[in-house]
Amino acid sequence: MRVILVDDERLALQQLRKALECDVSGIQVIGMFSDPAHVVEDIKKLQPDAVFLDIHMPEISGLKLGEQLQELVPSIEIVFVTAYDRYAVQAFEMYALDYVMKPIQSSRLQKTVQRLREKIETGEDNKQELEPPFICCFNQLRFQLPGEEAQTVKWRTSKAQELFTYLLHHRERVIDRNTLIELLWPDFEMDRAAKQLYTTAYHIRQTLKSNRMEAVSISSGDLEAGYRLTVGEVRIDTEEWENKVKQLGPIDLHNVAQHEQALKLYKGDYLGDYEYMWAEQERERLRLLWLRHAQDLSQFYMEQGRWQGVIKVNQRIQQLLPDNEESYFTLMQLYDSLGYRGRMEEQYWLLISRLEQEMGVTVSANIRAWYENKKPLHC
């Protein structure tokens, strides 16, 4: 169990850590804080299972801080550590799993930790039961069950994979049989193609069952009408990512960390590992949405003077979209303003290499002119 400790008295922190690590098994203290502000800054990065939190601190009450921590990490369990009498403690219990009275008794601490362990283990079990599976569409189609890593799907045939993916792309809609036949078996006679479609749909159902993805279903109803794929409560990573970006709103100091996380959640192109022409429009739409988001984040960092943030975002753009000239030009201008001539030139020649040598595309005239204009200034 990973825990953090918060107390404005450093000696009290040391004593509690010693009591936890020496008297209780299975506890890992991953952080100790005497400044409440530092807890708020680090809590999301640490993601502890529980916090042992002193009630009486000069800058902020433990009750108030506990509420803030629960907002930042909703799954966290709180144990208050207090010298107050039991009548006062009764008011704290509505916020916390437990409390420990000072001076701390080893037997009482062990009971608290046991309660914590039971609550966390029960919570994990319930979480796995309640969480729906994921269908991953960034780059490669994969299935992810609750509590497990995403797995590549082994399809019976490439036609089965494409039929499933096409129906997923048009989920919750009936796609008529002729459209599917024209897509997958355009050269077959109609009777033969119809049999192939029926057999392939059967193989998809078997694959879903063997991968424990029974929540996803393909219904045919009237075979003359076509097929429909229904995902139910199953989540789709590209859809979740897009909703997250749209819900965050404009970037500011309060939500910039969430925007950074959303940027990382975009793993690559929509079904990018497959040459499905029918997916290209959606692929380009999501790609441009991510690019605009990345550029907005880069601009925010620039306005805040956070140069490392600008560099990281534009390097990420270059990884996913190596032909995006603006990312190179942004870094060229930044490095030039910071006096890093070598890095500025490196960006220019990296752009030349990728566009002209690898893609056969000429670098924009304005970027070339800007670079040529800079050369005499450093000679």
Protein backbone atom coordinates (compact mmCIF):
# COMPACT_ATOMS: atom_id res chain seq x y z
CA MET A 1 0.00 0.00 0.00
CA ARG A 2 1.41 3.38 -1.06
CA VAL A 3 0.79 6.20 1.43
CA ILE A 4 1.81 9.80 2.06
CA LEU A 5 2.06 11.61 5.39
CA VAL A 6 1.13 15.24 6.10
CA ASP A 7 1.98 17.04 9.34
CA ASP A 8 3.43 20.51 9.90
CA GLU A 9 5.72 19.06 12.59
CA ARG A 10 8.69 17.25 11.04
CA LEU A 11 9.34 15.20 14.18
CA ALA A 12 5.75 13.92 14.06
CA LEU A 13 6.28 12.93 10.41
CA GLN A 14 9.39 10.95 11.26
CA GLN A 15 7.68 9.20 14.17
CA LEU A 16 4.66 8.23 12.06
CA ARG A 17 6.85 6.96 9.25
CA LYS A 18 8.84 4.83 11.65
CA ALA A 19 5.66 3.43 13.20
CA LEU A 20 4.21 2.53 9.81
CA GLU A 21 7.33 0.99 8.31
CA CYS A 22 8.50 -0.83 11.43
CA ASP A 23 5.26 -1.97 13.04
CA VAL A 24 3.06 -2.61 9.99
CA SER A 25 3.82 -4.82 7.00
CA GLY A 26 3.10 -3.94 3.39
CA ILE A 27 3.28 -0.15 3.78
CA GLN A 28 5.37 2.05 1.48
CA VAL A 29 5.68 5.71 2.48
CA ILE A 30 6.13 7.51 -0.85
CA GLY A 31 6.03 11.08 0.45
CA MET A 32 6.18 13.18 3.61
CA PHE A 33 4.96 16.79 3.62
CA SER A 34 5.06 19.57 6.17
CA ASP A 35 3.78 22.16 3.66
CA PRO A 36 0.15 21.57 2.53
CA ALA A 37 0.75 23.48 -0.72
CA HIS A 38 3.36 20.92 -1.77
CA VAL A 39 0.89 18.09 -1.17
CA VAL A 40 -1.62 19.68 -3.54
CA GLU A 41 1.10 20.13 -6.18
CA ASP A 42 2.38 16.54 -5.99
CA ILE A 43 -0.70 14.45 -5.22
CA LYS A 44 -1.67 13.71 -8.83
CA LYS A 45 1.84 12.66 -9.72
CA LEU A 46 2.19 10.39 -6.68
CA GLN A 47 -1.31 8.82 -6.85
CA PRO A 48 -1.13 7.35 -3.31
CA ASP A 49 -3.64 4.85 -2.01
CA ALA A 50 -4.03 6.73 1.26
CA VAL A 51 -2.94 9.82 3.17
CA PHE A 52 -2.31 10.13 6.91
CA LEU A 53 -3.29 13.73 7.55
CA ASP A 54 -2.84 15.88 10.64
CA ILE A 55 -5.96 17.82 11.62
CA HIS A 56 -4.39 20.86 13.24
CA MET A 57 -2.06 22.80 10.92
CA PRO A 58 -1.47 26.56 10.93
CA GLU A 59 -2.03 27.33 7.25
CA ILE A 60 -5.04 25.16 6.47
CA SER A 61 -7.18 22.74 8.48
CA GLY A 62 -6.73 19.08 7.79
CA LEU A 63 -10.45 18.81 7.01
CA LYS A 64 -10.20 21.39 4.25
CA LEU A 65 -7.02 19.89 2.84
CA GLY A 66 -8.63 16.46 2.90
CA GLU A 67 -11.49 17.73 0.74
CA GLN A 68 -9.01 19.19 -1.76
CA LEU A 69 -7.06 15.94 -1.96
CA GLN A 70 -10.22 13.92 -2.55
CA GLU A 71 -11.15 16.24 -5.41
CA LEU A 72 -7.72 15.77 -7.00
CA VAL A 73 -7.53 12.00 -6.41
CA PRO A 74 -11.10 10.73 -5.82
CA SER A 75 -9.95 7.20 -4.96
CA ILE A 76 -7.67 8.28 -2.10
CA GLU A 77 -8.49 7.15 1.43
CA ILE A 78 -7.94 9.58 4.30
CA VAL A 79 -6.82 8.78 7.85
CA PHE A 80 -6.77 11.75 10.20
CA VAL A 81 -4.04 11.93 12.81
CA THR A 82 -5.12 14.14 15.72
CA ALA A 83 -4.57 15.03 19.36
CA TYR A 84 -8.24 16.07 19.71
CA ASP A 85 -10.53 14.18 22.06
CA ARG A 86 -13.07 11.66 20.80
CA TYR A 87 -15.95 14.14 20.79
CA ALA A 88 -14.16 16.32 18.28
CA VAL A 89 -13.10 13.29 16.28
CA GLN A 90 -16.72 12.36 15.66
CA ALA A 91 -17.00 15.39 13.40
CA PHE A 92 -14.04 14.19 11.35
CA GLU A 93 -15.29 10.72 10.62
CA MET A 94 -17.67 11.86 7.91
CA TYR A 95 -14.66 12.80 5.80
CA ALA A 96 -12.28 9.97 6.56
CA LEU A 97 -12.00 6.21 6.64
CA ASP A 98 -10.44 6.33 10.13
CA TYR A 99 -8.52 8.43 12.62
CA VAL A 100 -5.50 7.83 14.85
CA MET A 101 -5.06 9.62 18.17
CA LYS A 102 -1.75 11.11 19.23
CA PRO A 103 0.38 9.74 20.76
CA ILE A 104 0.09 6.91 18.25
CA GLN A 105 -0.34 3.40 19.63
CA SER A 106 1.01 0.53 17.52
CA SER A 107 -2.03 -1.72 18.04
CA ARG A 108 -4.44 1.07 17.00
CA LEU A 109 -2.32 1.87 13.93
CA GLN A 110 -2.38 -1.76 12.83
CA LYS A 111 -6.20 -1.81 13.01
CA THR A 112 -6.36 1.35 10.91
CA VAL A 113 -4.05 -0.09 8.28
CA GLN A 114 -6.10 -3.29 8.16
CA ARG A 115 -9.24 -1.22 7.54
CA LEU A 116 -7.42 0.65 4.81
CA ARG A 117 -6.22 -2.55 3.17
CA GLU A 118 -9.71 -4.06 3.17
CA LYS A 119 -11.28 -0.88 1.79
CA ILE A 120 -8.71 -0.52 -1.00
CA GLU A 121 -8.89 -4.19 -2.01
CA THR A 122 -12.70 -4.08 -2.06
CA GLY A 123 -12.58 -0.86 -4.04
CA GLU A 124 -10.26 -2.38 -6.64
CA ASP A 125 -12.53 -5.42 -7.03
CA ASN A 126 -15.60 -3.24 -7.45
CA LYS A 127 -13.78 -0.96 -9.83
CA GLN A 128 -12.83 -3.86 -12.07
CA GLU A 129 -16.39 -5.17 -12.00
CA LEU A 130 -17.91 -1.79 -12.79
CA GLU A 131 -15.46 -0.52 -15.37
CA PRO A 132 -16.42 -1.40 -18.94
CA PRO A 133 -13.88 -2.72 -21.44
CA PHE A 134 -12.03 -0.49 -23.88
CA ILE A 135 -11.65 -0.73 -27.63
CA CYS A 136 -8.41 0.97 -28.59
CA CYS A 137 -8.29 2.60 -32.04
CA PHE A 138 -5.12 4.69 -31.85
CA ASN A 139 -2.75 3.11 -34.38
CA GLN A 140 -3.76 -0.52 -33.98
CA LEU A 141 -7.10 -2.06 -33.06
CA ARG A 142 -6.89 -3.65 -29.61
CA PHE A 143 -9.19 -4.81 -26.83
CA GLN A 144 -8.58 -3.92 -23.17
CA LEU A 145 -10.43 -5.64 -20.36
CA PRO A 146 -10.71 -4.04 -16.88
CA GLY A 147 -7.49 -4.43 -14.91
CA GLU A 148 -5.58 -5.84 -17.88
CA GLU A 149 -3.24 -4.54 -20.58
CA ALA A 150 -4.62 -3.85 -24.05
CA GLN A 151 -4.24 -6.87 -26.31
CA THR A 152 -3.89 -7.11 -30.08
CA VAL A 153 -6.80 -9.08 -31.54
CA LYS A 154 -6.16 -12.26 -33.52
CA TRP A 155 -8.75 -12.26 -36.29
CA ARG A 156 -9.64 -15.33 -38.35
CA THR A 157 -9.02 -13.38 -41.59
CA SER A 158 -8.11 -9.85 -42.66
CA LYS A 159 -11.68 -9.52 -43.99
CA ALA A 160 -13.04 -10.24 -40.52
CA GLN A 161 -10.81 -7.51 -39.08
CA GLU A 162 -11.89 -4.97 -41.68
CA LEU A 163 -15.58 -5.84 -41.42
CA PHE A 164 -15.49 -5.45 -37.64
CA THR A 165 -13.53 -2.20 -37.88
CA TYR A 166 -15.87 -0.78 -40.52
CA LEU A 167 -18.93 -1.63 -38.45
CA LEU A 168 -17.23 -0.14 -35.38
CA HIS A 169 -16.51 3.02 -37.39
CA HIS A 170 -20.25 3.22 -38.18
CA ARG A 171 -21.39 1.82 -34.81
CA GLU A 172 -25.04 1.88 -33.81
CA ARG A 173 -26.06 2.22 -37.48
CA VAL A 174 -27.34 -0.41 -39.87
CA ILE A 175 -24.95 -0.78 -42.83
CA ASP A 176 -26.70 -2.42 -45.71
CA ARG A 177 -25.46 -5.69 -47.08
CA ASN A 178 -24.65 -4.40 -50.55
CA THR A 179 -22.40 -1.68 -49.15
CA LEU A 180 -20.43 -4.27 -47.15
CA ILE A 181 -20.14 -6.62 -50.12
CA GLU A 182 -18.94 -3.81 -52.38
CA LEU A 183 -16.33 -2.86 -49.80
CA LEU A 184 -14.96 -6.35 -49.08
CA TRP A 185 -15.86 -8.66 -51.97
CA PRO A 186 -16.45 -6.44 -55.01
CA ASP A 187 -15.36 -9.13 -57.50
CA PHE A 188 -17.49 -11.94 -56.09
CA GLU A 189 -20.86 -13.04 -57.43
CA MET A 190 -23.66 -11.86 -55.17
CA ASP A 191 -24.57 -15.29 -53.73
CA ARG A 192 -20.96 -16.15 -52.97
CA ALA A 193 -20.31 -12.70 -51.49
CA ALA A 194 -23.41 -12.96 -49.29
CA LYS A 195 -22.18 -16.30 -47.91
CA GLN A 196 -18.75 -14.78 -47.23
CA LEU A 197 -20.40 -11.89 -45.37
CA TYR A 198 -22.50 -14.24 -43.25
CA THR A 199 -19.49 -16.47 -42.43
CA THR A 200 -17.25 -13.50 -41.63
CA ALA A 201 -19.85 -12.02 -39.27
CA TYR A 202 -20.00 -15.41 -37.52
CA HIS A 203 -16.19 -15.42 -37.13
CA ILE A 204 -16.33 -11.92 -35.63
CA ARG A 205 -18.85 -13.07 -33.02
CA GLN A 206 -16.58 -15.97 -32.13
CA THR A 207 -13.58 -13.65 -31.83
CA LEU A 208 -15.51 -11.27 -29.56
CA LYS A 209 -16.54 -14.19 -27.38
CA SER A 210 -13.02 -15.64 -27.12
CA ASN A 211 -11.71 -12.18 -26.15
CA ARG A 212 -14.42 -11.75 -23.48
CA MET A 213 -15.92 -8.81 -25.35
CA GLU A 214 -19.49 -10.12 -25.34
CA ALA A 215 -20.73 -6.59 -24.56
CA VAL A 216 -20.07 -5.79 -28.23
CA SER A 217 -22.65 -7.35 -30.51
CA ILE A 218 -23.37 -7.62 -34.22
CA SER A 219 -27.02 -7.91 -35.14
CA SER A 220 -28.23 -8.81 -38.58
CA GLY A 221 -32.00 -8.96 -38.23
CA ASP A 222 -33.20 -9.05 -41.80
CA LEU A 223 -30.13 -10.13 -43.80
CA GLU A 224 -31.43 -8.13 -46.74
CA ALA A 225 -31.11 -4.97 -44.64
CA GLY A 226 -27.57 -5.43 -43.36
CA TYR A 227 -25.61 -5.47 -40.11
CA ARG A 228 -25.27 -3.21 -37.08
CA LEU A 229 -22.57 -3.22 -34.41
CA THR A 230 -23.59 -2.14 -30.91
CA VAL A 231 -20.95 -1.36 -28.29
CA GLY A 232 -23.19 -0.83 -25.26
CA GLU A 233 -21.14 0.41 -22.30
CA VAL A 234 -17.81 -0.40 -23.96
CA ARG A 235 -15.60 2.69 -24.27
CA ILE A 236 -13.55 3.68 -27.28
CA ASP A 237 -10.26 5.45 -26.64
CA THR A 238 -10.43 7.91 -29.54
CA GLU A 239 -13.96 8.94 -28.57
CA GLU A 240 -13.00 9.35 -24.91
CA TRP A 241 -9.96 11.40 -25.86
CA GLU A 242 -11.97 13.76 -28.07
CA ASN A 243 -14.62 14.27 -25.39
CA LYS A 244 -11.93 15.00 -22.80
CA VAL A 245 -10.28 17.67 -24.96
CA LYS A 246 -13.60 19.37 -25.68
CA GLN A 247 -14.70 19.33 -22.04
CA LEU A 248 -11.50 20.86 -20.70
CA GLY A 249 -12.16 24.25 -22.27
CA PRO A 250 -9.53 26.98 -22.82
CA ILE A 251 -6.08 26.36 -21.33
CA ASP A 252 -5.29 28.21 -18.12
CA LEU A 253 -3.10 27.77 -15.05
CA HIS A 254 -5.75 25.68 -13.31
CA ASN A 255 -6.25 23.06 -16.01
CA VAL A 256 -2.94 23.02 -17.87
CA ALA A 257 -1.92 19.72 -16.22
CA GLN A 258 -5.11 18.11 -17.53
CA HIS A 259 -4.40 19.47 -21.00
CA GLU A 260 -0.90 17.99 -20.82
CA GLN A 261 -2.41 14.61 -19.94
CA ALA A 262 -4.91 14.84 -22.79
CA LEU A 263 -2.06 15.55 -25.21
CA LYS A 264 -0.31 12.35 -24.11
CA LEU A 265 -3.47 10.26 -24.48
CA TYR A 266 -3.33 10.71 -28.25
CA LYS A 267 -1.10 7.77 -29.17
CA GLY A 268 -1.12 8.09 -32.95
CA ASP A 269 -3.43 8.11 -35.95
CA TYR A 270 -6.92 6.64 -35.85
CA LEU A 271 -6.52 3.06 -37.17
CA GLY A 272 -3.16 4.30 -38.42
CA ASP A 273 -1.67 0.83 -38.89
CA TYR A 274 -4.26 -0.07 -41.54
CA GLU A 275 -4.62 1.23 -45.09
CA TYR A 276 -8.37 1.67 -44.88
CA MET A 277 -9.30 4.48 -47.22
CA TRP A 278 -12.76 4.77 -45.65
CA ALA A 279 -11.09 5.74 -42.34
CA GLU A 280 -8.99 8.56 -43.80
CA GLN A 281 -11.50 11.36 -43.26
CA GLU A 282 -11.90 10.53 -39.57
CA ARG A 283 -8.16 9.98 -39.27
CA GLU A 284 -7.46 13.45 -40.64
CA ARG A 285 -10.18 15.06 -38.50
CA LEU A 286 -8.75 13.67 -35.26
CA ARG A 287 -5.20 14.43 -36.36
CA LEU A 288 -6.08 18.09 -36.95
CA LEU A 289 -7.96 18.28 -33.64
CA TRP A 290 -4.88 16.98 -31.82
CA LEU A 291 -2.59 19.35 -33.74
CA ARG A 292 -4.70 22.40 -32.84
CA HIS A 293 -4.70 21.29 -29.22
CA ALA A 294 -0.92 20.83 -29.23
CA GLN A 295 -0.40 24.24 -30.86
CA ASP A 296 -2.69 25.91 -28.32
CA LEU A 297 -0.68 24.31 -25.51
CA SER A 298 2.57 25.42 -27.13
CA GLN A 299 1.27 28.99 -27.39
CA PHE A 300 0.20 28.94 -23.73
CA TYR A 301 3.67 27.82 -22.68
CA MET A 302 5.21 30.52 -24.86
CA GLU A 303 3.08 33.22 -23.21
CA GLN A 304 4.03 31.89 -19.76
CA GLY A 305 7.73 31.77 -20.63
CA ARG A 306 7.84 28.01 -20.04
CA TRP A 307 10.39 27.20 -22.74
CA GLN A 308 10.80 23.53 -21.86
CA GLY A 309 7.07 23.09 -22.31
CA VAL A 310 7.24 24.70 -25.77
CA ILE A 311 10.12 22.41 -26.73
CA LYS A 312 8.44 19.21 -25.49
CA VAL A 313 5.14 19.91 -27.24
CA ASN A 314 6.74 20.76 -30.57
CA GLN A 315 9.04 17.76 -30.41
CA ARG A 316 5.94 15.61 -29.86
CA ILE A 317 4.32 17.21 -32.92
CA GLN A 318 7.41 16.33 -34.94
CA GLN A 319 7.23 12.71 -33.77
CA LEU A 320 3.62 12.25 -34.83
CA LEU A 321 3.51 14.71 -37.75
CA PRO A 322 7.06 14.93 -39.14
CA ASP A 323 5.96 17.10 -42.08
CA ASN A 324 4.49 19.85 -39.88
CA GLU A 325 6.70 22.83 -40.74
CA GLU A 326 5.31 25.09 -38.03
CA SER A 327 6.72 22.94 -35.21
CA TYR A 328 10.25 23.24 -36.61
CA PHE A 329 9.88 26.96 -37.24
CA THR A 330 8.55 27.55 -33.72
CA LEU A 331 11.63 25.87 -32.24
CA MET A 332 13.97 27.66 -34.65
CA GLN A 333 12.61 31.01 -33.50
CA LEU A 334 12.70 30.01 -29.83
CA TYR A 335 16.28 28.74 -29.96
CA ASP A 336 17.34 31.87 -31.84
CA SER A 337 15.76 34.13 -29.20
CA LEU A 338 17.56 32.17 -26.46
CA GLY A 339 20.89 32.40 -28.30
CA TYR A 340 21.14 28.67 -29.09
CA ARG A 341 22.47 28.98 -32.62
CA GLY A 342 23.43 25.30 -32.92
CA ARG A 343 19.99 24.06 -31.91
CA MET A 344 18.33 26.53 -34.26
CA GLU A 345 20.38 25.23 -37.18
CA GLU A 346 19.71 21.64 -36.14
CA GLN A 347 15.97 22.25 -36.41
CA TYR A 348 16.36 23.81 -39.85
CA TRP A 349 18.40 20.95 -41.26
CA LEU A 350 16.11 18.39 -39.64
CA LEU A 351 13.22 20.05 -41.49
CA ILE A 352 15.18 20.05 -44.75
CA SER A 353 16.02 16.37 -44.30
CA ARG A 354 12.46 15.26 -43.59
CA LEU A 355 10.69 17.38 -46.18
CA GLU A 356 13.05 17.58 -49.11
CA GLN A 357 15.11 14.41 -48.80
CA GLU A 358 12.51 11.99 -47.40
CA MET A 359 9.28 13.40 -48.84
CA GLY A 360 10.45 15.34 -51.87
CA VAL A 361 8.68 18.51 -50.69
CA THR A 362 10.27 21.97 -50.73
CA VAL A 363 10.53 23.89 -47.47
CA SER A 364 8.34 27.00 -47.39
CA ALA A 365 9.98 30.09 -48.81
CA ASN A 366 9.33 32.18 -45.70
CA ILE A 367 11.16 29.69 -43.45
CA ARG A 368 14.10 29.46 -45.85
CA ALA A 369 14.26 33.28 -46.11
CA TRP A 370 14.12 33.65 -42.32
CA TYR A 371 16.99 31.21 -41.91
CA GLU A 372 19.11 32.85 -44.63
CA ASN A 373 18.50 36.24 -43.04
CA LYS A 374 19.83 34.96 -39.71
CA LYS A 375 23.13 33.69 -41.07
CA PRO A 376 24.94 37.07 -41.42
CA LEU A 377 23.94 38.04 -37.88
CA HIS A 378 26.08 35.25 -36.44
CA CYS A 379 29.07 35.39 -38.82
